[in-house]
Amino acid sequence: QVQLVESGGGLVQPGGSLRLSCVASGSIFTMYAMRWYRKAPGKERELVAGITSGGYTNVRDSEEGRFTISRDNAKNTVYLQMNNLKPEDTAVYYCNAVWGSYEYWGQGTQVTVPS
């Protein structure tokens, strides 16, 4: 069992930055691939970025160059650094952990970028 707790969301003006954090507890964090998803009102949930247990990363094409995912295994934490934020980034951001058939979700953190 893994518990995921996100933090770092908030209200930020266009062009601003936020760093989301997701702290995992309850299992061997290093074994899990970690991902960030987001869900905007009226839209489908979409994958934003992922990082494997070995540290390989991928970021959604549309956010490439603005978003960076990283992990600190010593702190059981995965981060999403978001720069040059735009109104279309407004969404609830969810942390996700996957290992084989095991998958866990956090409760989400709201990011709001007013237009």
N, C-alpha and C. Protein backbone atom coordinates (compact mmCIF):
# COMPACT_ATOMS: atom_id res chain seq x y z
N GLN A 1 0.85 -1.19 0.00
CA GLN A 1 0.00 0.00 0.00
C GLN A 1 0.89 1.24 0.00
N VAL A 2 0.52 2.22 -0.83
CA VAL A 2 1.26 3.47 -0.94
C VAL A 2 0.28 4.62 -0.71
N GLN A 3 0.68 5.55 0.11
CA GLN A 3 -0.09 6.78 0.27
C GLN A 3 0.68 7.91 -0.39
N LEU A 4 -0.04 8.70 -1.17
CA LEU A 4 0.55 9.82 -1.89
C LEU A 4 -0.10 11.12 -1.44
N VAL A 5 0.71 12.09 -1.10
CA VAL A 5 0.19 13.38 -0.66
C VAL A 5 0.85 14.47 -1.49
N GLU A 6 0.03 15.17 -2.28
CA GLU A 6 0.53 16.27 -3.11
C GLU A 6 0.45 17.58 -2.35
N SER A 7 1.31 18.49 -2.75
CA SER A 7 1.27 19.85 -2.22
C SER A 7 1.93 20.77 -3.23
N GLY A 8 1.78 22.07 -3.00
CA GLY A 8 2.46 23.04 -3.84
C GLY A 8 1.57 23.75 -4.84
N GLY A 9 0.33 23.34 -4.94
CA GLY A 9 -0.57 24.03 -5.86
C GLY A 9 -0.96 25.39 -5.33
N GLY A 10 -1.68 26.13 -6.16
CA GLY A 10 -2.13 27.45 -5.74
C GLY A 10 -2.51 28.31 -6.91
N LEU A 11 -2.67 29.59 -6.60
CA LEU A 11 -3.01 30.59 -7.61
C LEU A 11 -1.73 31.30 -8.03
N VAL A 12 -1.47 31.32 -9.32
CA VAL A 12 -0.27 31.98 -9.82
C VAL A 12 -0.62 32.73 -11.10
N GLN A 13 -0.01 33.88 -11.28
CA GLN A 13 -0.26 34.68 -12.46
C GLN A 13 0.40 34.07 -13.69
N PRO A 14 -0.13 34.34 -14.87
CA PRO A 14 0.51 33.84 -16.10
C PRO A 14 1.98 34.22 -16.15
N GLY A 15 2.78 33.27 -16.56
CA GLY A 15 4.22 33.48 -16.59
C GLY A 15 4.93 33.08 -15.33
N GLY A 16 4.17 32.80 -14.29
CA GLY A 16 4.76 32.42 -13.01
C GLY A 16 5.14 30.96 -12.95
N SER A 17 5.65 30.55 -11.80
CA SER A 17 6.12 29.18 -11.60
C SER A 17 5.54 28.57 -10.34
N LEU A 18 5.44 27.28 -10.35
CA LEU A 18 5.07 26.52 -9.17
C LEU A 18 5.87 25.22 -9.19
N ARG A 19 6.14 24.71 -7.99
CA ARG A 19 6.72 23.38 -7.89
C ARG A 19 5.79 22.52 -7.06
N LEU A 20 5.26 21.50 -7.69
CA LEU A 20 4.42 20.54 -7.00
C LEU A 20 5.29 19.45 -6.40
N SER A 21 4.88 18.99 -5.23
CA SER A 21 5.57 17.88 -4.56
C SER A 21 4.57 16.77 -4.28
N CYS A 22 5.08 15.56 -4.30
CA CYS A 22 4.26 14.40 -3.95
C CYS A 22 5.11 13.51 -3.07
N VAL A 23 4.70 13.37 -1.84
CA VAL A 23 5.42 12.53 -0.89
C VAL A 23 4.72 11.18 -0.80
N ALA A 24 5.51 10.13 -0.95
CA ALA A 24 4.98 8.77 -0.90
C ALA A 24 5.39 8.08 0.40
N SER A 25 4.49 7.32 0.93
CA SER A 25 4.80 6.57 2.15
C SER A 25 4.14 5.21 2.07
N GLY A 26 4.70 4.27 2.82
CA GLY A 26 4.05 2.98 2.95
C GLY A 26 4.66 1.86 2.15
N SER A 27 5.57 2.14 1.25
CA SER A 27 6.16 1.06 0.48
C SER A 27 7.52 1.50 -0.03
N ILE A 28 8.08 0.70 -0.91
CA ILE A 28 9.42 0.99 -1.41
C ILE A 28 9.31 1.96 -2.57
N PHE A 29 9.52 3.23 -2.28
CA PHE A 29 9.32 4.29 -3.27
C PHE A 29 10.17 4.07 -4.51
N THR A 30 11.39 3.61 -4.33
CA THR A 30 12.31 3.50 -5.46
C THR A 30 11.83 2.51 -6.52
N MET A 31 10.94 1.63 -6.17
CA MET A 31 10.47 0.63 -7.11
C MET A 31 9.42 1.18 -8.08
N TYR A 32 8.84 2.31 -7.73
CA TYR A 32 7.68 2.81 -8.46
C TYR A 32 8.07 3.81 -9.55
N ALA A 33 7.39 3.68 -10.68
CA ALA A 33 7.38 4.75 -11.66
C ALA A 33 6.37 5.78 -11.16
N MET A 34 6.73 7.03 -11.28
CA MET A 34 5.89 8.11 -10.77
C MET A 34 5.43 9.00 -11.92
N ARG A 35 4.21 9.43 -11.85
CA ARG A 35 3.64 10.26 -12.91
C ARG A 35 2.83 11.39 -12.32
N TRP A 36 2.73 12.44 -13.08
CA TRP A 36 1.80 13.54 -12.79
C TRP A 36 0.75 13.58 -13.88
N TYR A 37 -0.50 13.63 -13.46
CA TYR A 37 -1.63 13.81 -14.35
C TYR A 37 -2.32 15.11 -13.97
N ARG A 38 -3.18 15.58 -14.86
CA ARG A 38 -4.01 16.72 -14.52
C ARG A 38 -5.40 16.55 -15.12
N LYS A 39 -6.35 17.16 -14.45
CA LYS A 39 -7.74 17.10 -14.89
C LYS A 39 -8.29 18.51 -14.81
N ALA A 40 -8.60 19.06 -15.99
CA ALA A 40 -9.21 20.38 -16.06
C ALA A 40 -10.72 20.23 -16.19
N PRO A 41 -11.47 21.23 -15.75
CA PRO A 41 -12.93 21.14 -15.86
C PRO A 41 -13.37 20.92 -17.29
N GLY A 42 -14.23 19.94 -17.49
CA GLY A 42 -14.76 19.67 -18.81
C GLY A 42 -13.82 18.94 -19.75
N LYS A 43 -12.66 18.55 -19.23
CA LYS A 43 -11.68 17.85 -20.08
C LYS A 43 -11.34 16.50 -19.47
N GLU A 44 -10.77 15.64 -20.31
CA GLU A 44 -10.31 14.34 -19.85
C GLU A 44 -9.02 14.50 -19.05
N ARG A 45 -8.82 13.57 -18.15
CA ARG A 45 -7.54 13.55 -17.44
C ARG A 45 -6.43 13.25 -18.43
N GLU A 46 -5.30 13.94 -18.27
CA GLU A 46 -4.20 13.73 -19.19
C GLU A 46 -2.89 13.58 -18.44
N LEU A 47 -2.02 12.78 -19.02
CA LEU A 47 -0.70 12.57 -18.46
C LEU A 47 0.17 13.78 -18.77
N VAL A 48 0.81 14.30 -17.75
CA VAL A 48 1.66 15.49 -17.91
C VAL A 48 3.13 15.11 -17.99
N ALA A 49 3.56 14.24 -17.09
CA ALA A 49 4.98 13.86 -17.06
C ALA A 49 5.14 12.58 -16.26
N GLY A 50 6.23 11.86 -16.55
CA GLY A 50 6.52 10.63 -15.84
C GLY A 50 7.99 10.45 -15.62
N ILE A 51 8.33 9.69 -14.59
CA ILE A 51 9.73 9.37 -14.31
C ILE A 51 9.78 7.93 -13.84
N THR A 52 10.68 7.16 -14.45
CA THR A 52 10.78 5.75 -14.09
C THR A 52 11.55 5.56 -12.80
N SER A 53 11.57 4.34 -12.33
CA SER A 53 12.35 4.05 -11.13
C SER A 53 13.83 4.30 -11.38
N GLY A 54 14.25 4.20 -12.62
CA GLY A 54 15.64 4.44 -12.96
C GLY A 54 15.95 5.89 -13.27
N GLY A 55 14.94 6.75 -13.23
CA GLY A 55 15.18 8.17 -13.41
C GLY A 55 14.96 8.70 -14.81
N TYR A 56 14.50 7.85 -15.71
CA TYR A 56 14.21 8.33 -17.06
C TYR A 56 12.91 9.12 -17.04
N THR A 57 12.93 10.25 -17.74
CA THR A 57 11.79 11.15 -17.69
C THR A 57 11.16 11.34 -19.05
N ASN A 58 9.89 11.69 -19.02
CA ASN A 58 9.22 12.14 -20.23
C ASN A 58 8.19 13.17 -19.82
N VAL A 59 7.99 14.13 -20.69
CA VAL A 59 7.06 15.23 -20.45
C VAL A 59 6.16 15.36 -21.67
N ARG A 60 4.92 15.68 -21.41
CA ARG A 60 3.96 15.89 -22.48
C ARG A 60 4.54 16.88 -23.48
N ASP A 61 4.38 16.59 -24.77
CA ASP A 61 4.99 17.41 -25.80
C ASP A 61 4.65 18.89 -25.64
N SER A 62 3.40 19.17 -25.35
CA SER A 62 2.96 20.56 -25.27
C SER A 62 3.57 21.30 -24.08
N GLU A 63 4.09 20.57 -23.10
CA GLU A 63 4.70 21.20 -21.92
C GLU A 63 6.22 21.08 -21.91
N GLU A 64 6.76 20.44 -22.94
CA GLU A 64 8.21 20.29 -23.03
C GLU A 64 8.87 21.65 -22.99
N GLY A 65 9.89 21.79 -22.17
CA GLY A 65 10.58 23.07 -22.04
C GLY A 65 10.02 23.95 -20.93
N ARG A 66 8.81 23.67 -20.48
CA ARG A 66 8.22 24.43 -19.37
C ARG A 66 8.13 23.61 -18.10
N PHE A 67 7.85 22.32 -18.25
CA PHE A 67 7.67 21.44 -17.08
C PHE A 67 8.84 20.47 -16.97
N THR A 68 9.23 20.21 -15.74
CA THR A 68 10.29 19.24 -15.47
C THR A 68 9.86 18.34 -14.31
N ILE A 69 10.04 17.05 -14.49
CA ILE A 69 9.74 16.11 -13.41
C ILE A 69 11.05 15.57 -12.86
N SER A 70 11.08 15.39 -11.55
CA SER A 70 12.27 14.84 -10.91
C SER A 70 11.84 14.07 -9.67
N ARG A 71 12.77 13.30 -9.14
CA ARG A 71 12.45 12.56 -7.92
C ARG A 71 13.66 12.56 -6.98
N ASP A 72 13.37 12.54 -5.70
CA ASP A 72 14.40 12.45 -4.68
C ASP A 72 14.06 11.19 -3.87
N ASN A 73 14.74 10.11 -4.17
CA ASN A 73 14.42 8.84 -3.53
C ASN A 73 14.71 8.87 -2.03
N ALA A 74 15.66 9.67 -1.63
CA ALA A 74 15.97 9.77 -0.20
C ALA A 74 14.82 10.40 0.58
N LYS A 75 14.01 11.21 -0.12
CA LYS A 75 12.88 11.88 0.53
C LYS A 75 11.54 11.28 0.12
N ASN A 76 11.58 10.21 -0.66
CA ASN A 76 10.34 9.59 -1.14
C ASN A 76 9.43 10.61 -1.81
N THR A 77 10.02 11.47 -2.61
CA THR A 77 9.28 12.59 -3.16
C THR A 77 9.52 12.72 -4.66
N VAL A 78 8.45 13.03 -5.37
CA VAL A 78 8.55 13.37 -6.78
C VAL A 78 8.06 14.80 -6.94
N TYR A 79 8.71 15.52 -7.83
CA TYR A 79 8.42 16.94 -8.04
C TYR A 79 7.97 17.19 -9.48
N LEU A 80 7.19 18.23 -9.63
CA LEU A 80 6.87 18.75 -10.96
C LEU A 80 7.12 20.25 -10.92
N GLN A 81 8.19 20.65 -11.57
CA GLN A 81 8.51 22.07 -11.68
C GLN A 81 7.80 22.61 -12.91
N MET A 82 6.99 23.64 -12.71
CA MET A 82 6.20 24.21 -13.79
C MET A 82 6.57 25.68 -13.93
N ASN A 83 7.07 26.04 -15.09
CA ASN A 83 7.48 27.41 -15.37
C ASN A 83 6.63 28.00 -16.48
N ASN A 84 6.64 29.33 -16.55
CA ASN A 84 5.89 30.03 -17.60
C ASN A 84 4.46 29.51 -17.69
N LEU A 85 3.80 29.49 -16.57
CA LEU A 85 2.45 28.91 -16.51
C LEU A 85 1.46 29.73 -17.31
N LYS A 86 0.49 29.01 -17.88
CA LYS A 86 -0.51 29.61 -18.74
C LYS A 86 -1.90 29.29 -18.19
N PRO A 87 -2.90 30.07 -18.57
CA PRO A 87 -4.26 29.77 -18.09
C PRO A 87 -4.70 28.35 -18.41
N GLU A 88 -4.26 27.82 -19.54
CA GLU A 88 -4.66 26.46 -19.90
C GLU A 88 -4.01 25.39 -19.04
N ASP A 89 -3.10 25.77 -18.17
CA ASP A 89 -2.52 24.83 -17.20
C ASP A 89 -3.41 24.67 -15.98
N THR A 90 -4.44 25.47 -15.88
CA THR A 90 -5.35 25.37 -14.75
C THR A 90 -5.99 23.99 -14.70
N ALA A 91 -5.84 23.31 -13.58
CA ALA A 91 -6.34 21.94 -13.43
C ALA A 91 -6.05 21.47 -12.02
N VAL A 92 -6.63 20.32 -11.70
CA VAL A 92 -6.20 19.60 -10.51
C VAL A 92 -5.10 18.63 -10.95
N TYR A 93 -3.99 18.69 -10.26
CA TYR A 93 -2.83 17.86 -10.61
C TYR A 93 -2.76 16.70 -9.62
N TYR A 94 -2.62 15.50 -10.18
CA TYR A 94 -2.61 14.28 -9.39
C TYR A 94 -1.28 13.55 -9.53
N CYS A 95 -0.82 13.05 -8.44
CA CYS A 95 0.36 12.21 -8.40
C CYS A 95 -0.08 10.75 -8.54
N ASN A 96 0.70 9.97 -9.26
CA ASN A 96 0.37 8.58 -9.54
C ASN A 96 1.62 7.73 -9.38
N ALA A 97 1.47 6.57 -8.74
CA ALA A 97 2.58 5.64 -8.55
C ALA A 97 2.20 4.29 -9.15
N VAL A 98 3.11 3.73 -9.92
CA VAL A 98 2.84 2.45 -10.59
C VAL A 98 4.02 1.51 -10.40
N TRP A 99 3.68 0.27 -10.05
CA TRP A 99 4.68 -0.81 -9.98
C TRP A 99 3.97 -2.11 -10.34
N GLY A 100 4.22 -2.59 -11.54
CA GLY A 100 3.53 -3.78 -11.99
C GLY A 100 2.04 -3.54 -12.02
N SER A 101 1.29 -4.36 -11.33
CA SER A 101 -0.17 -4.23 -11.29
C SER A 101 -0.64 -3.30 -10.19
N TYR A 102 0.28 -2.77 -9.45
CA TYR A 102 -0.08 -1.86 -8.36
C TYR A 102 -0.08 -0.42 -8.87
N GLU A 103 -1.14 0.29 -8.52
CA GLU A 103 -1.27 1.68 -8.93
C GLU A 103 -1.97 2.46 -7.84
N TYR A 104 -1.44 3.64 -7.54
CA TYR A 104 -1.99 4.46 -6.47
C TYR A 104 -2.08 5.90 -6.93
N TRP A 105 -3.04 6.60 -6.32
CA TRP A 105 -3.29 8.01 -6.67
C TRP A 105 -3.30 8.86 -5.41
N GLY A 106 -2.85 10.10 -5.59
CA GLY A 106 -3.00 11.08 -4.54
C GLY A 106 -4.36 11.77 -4.64
N GLN A 107 -4.58 12.70 -3.73
CA GLN A 107 -5.88 13.36 -3.68
C GLN A 107 -5.95 14.57 -4.62
N GLY A 108 -4.82 14.99 -5.12
CA GLY A 108 -4.79 16.11 -6.06
C GLY A 108 -4.50 17.44 -5.40
N THR A 109 -3.94 18.33 -6.19
CA THR A 109 -3.69 19.70 -5.74
C THR A 109 -4.08 20.65 -6.87
N GLN A 110 -4.79 21.70 -6.50
CA GLN A 110 -5.34 22.62 -7.51
C GLN A 110 -4.30 23.64 -7.95
N VAL A 111 -4.18 23.80 -9.24
CA VAL A 111 -3.35 24.85 -9.83
C VAL A 111 -4.27 25.76 -10.63
N THR A 112 -4.21 27.04 -10.33
CA THR A 112 -5.07 28.00 -11.03
C THR A 112 -4.23 29.13 -11.60
N VAL A 113 -4.36 29.33 -12.89
CA VAL A 113 -3.66 30.41 -13.59
C VAL A 113 -4.73 31.25 -14.26
N PRO A 114 -5.05 32.40 -13.72
CA PRO A 114 -6.14 33.21 -14.28
C PRO A 114 -5.78 33.79 -15.64
N SER A 115 -6.79 33.99 -16.44
CA SER A 115 -6.56 34.58 -17.77
C SER A 115 -6.66 36.09 -17.72
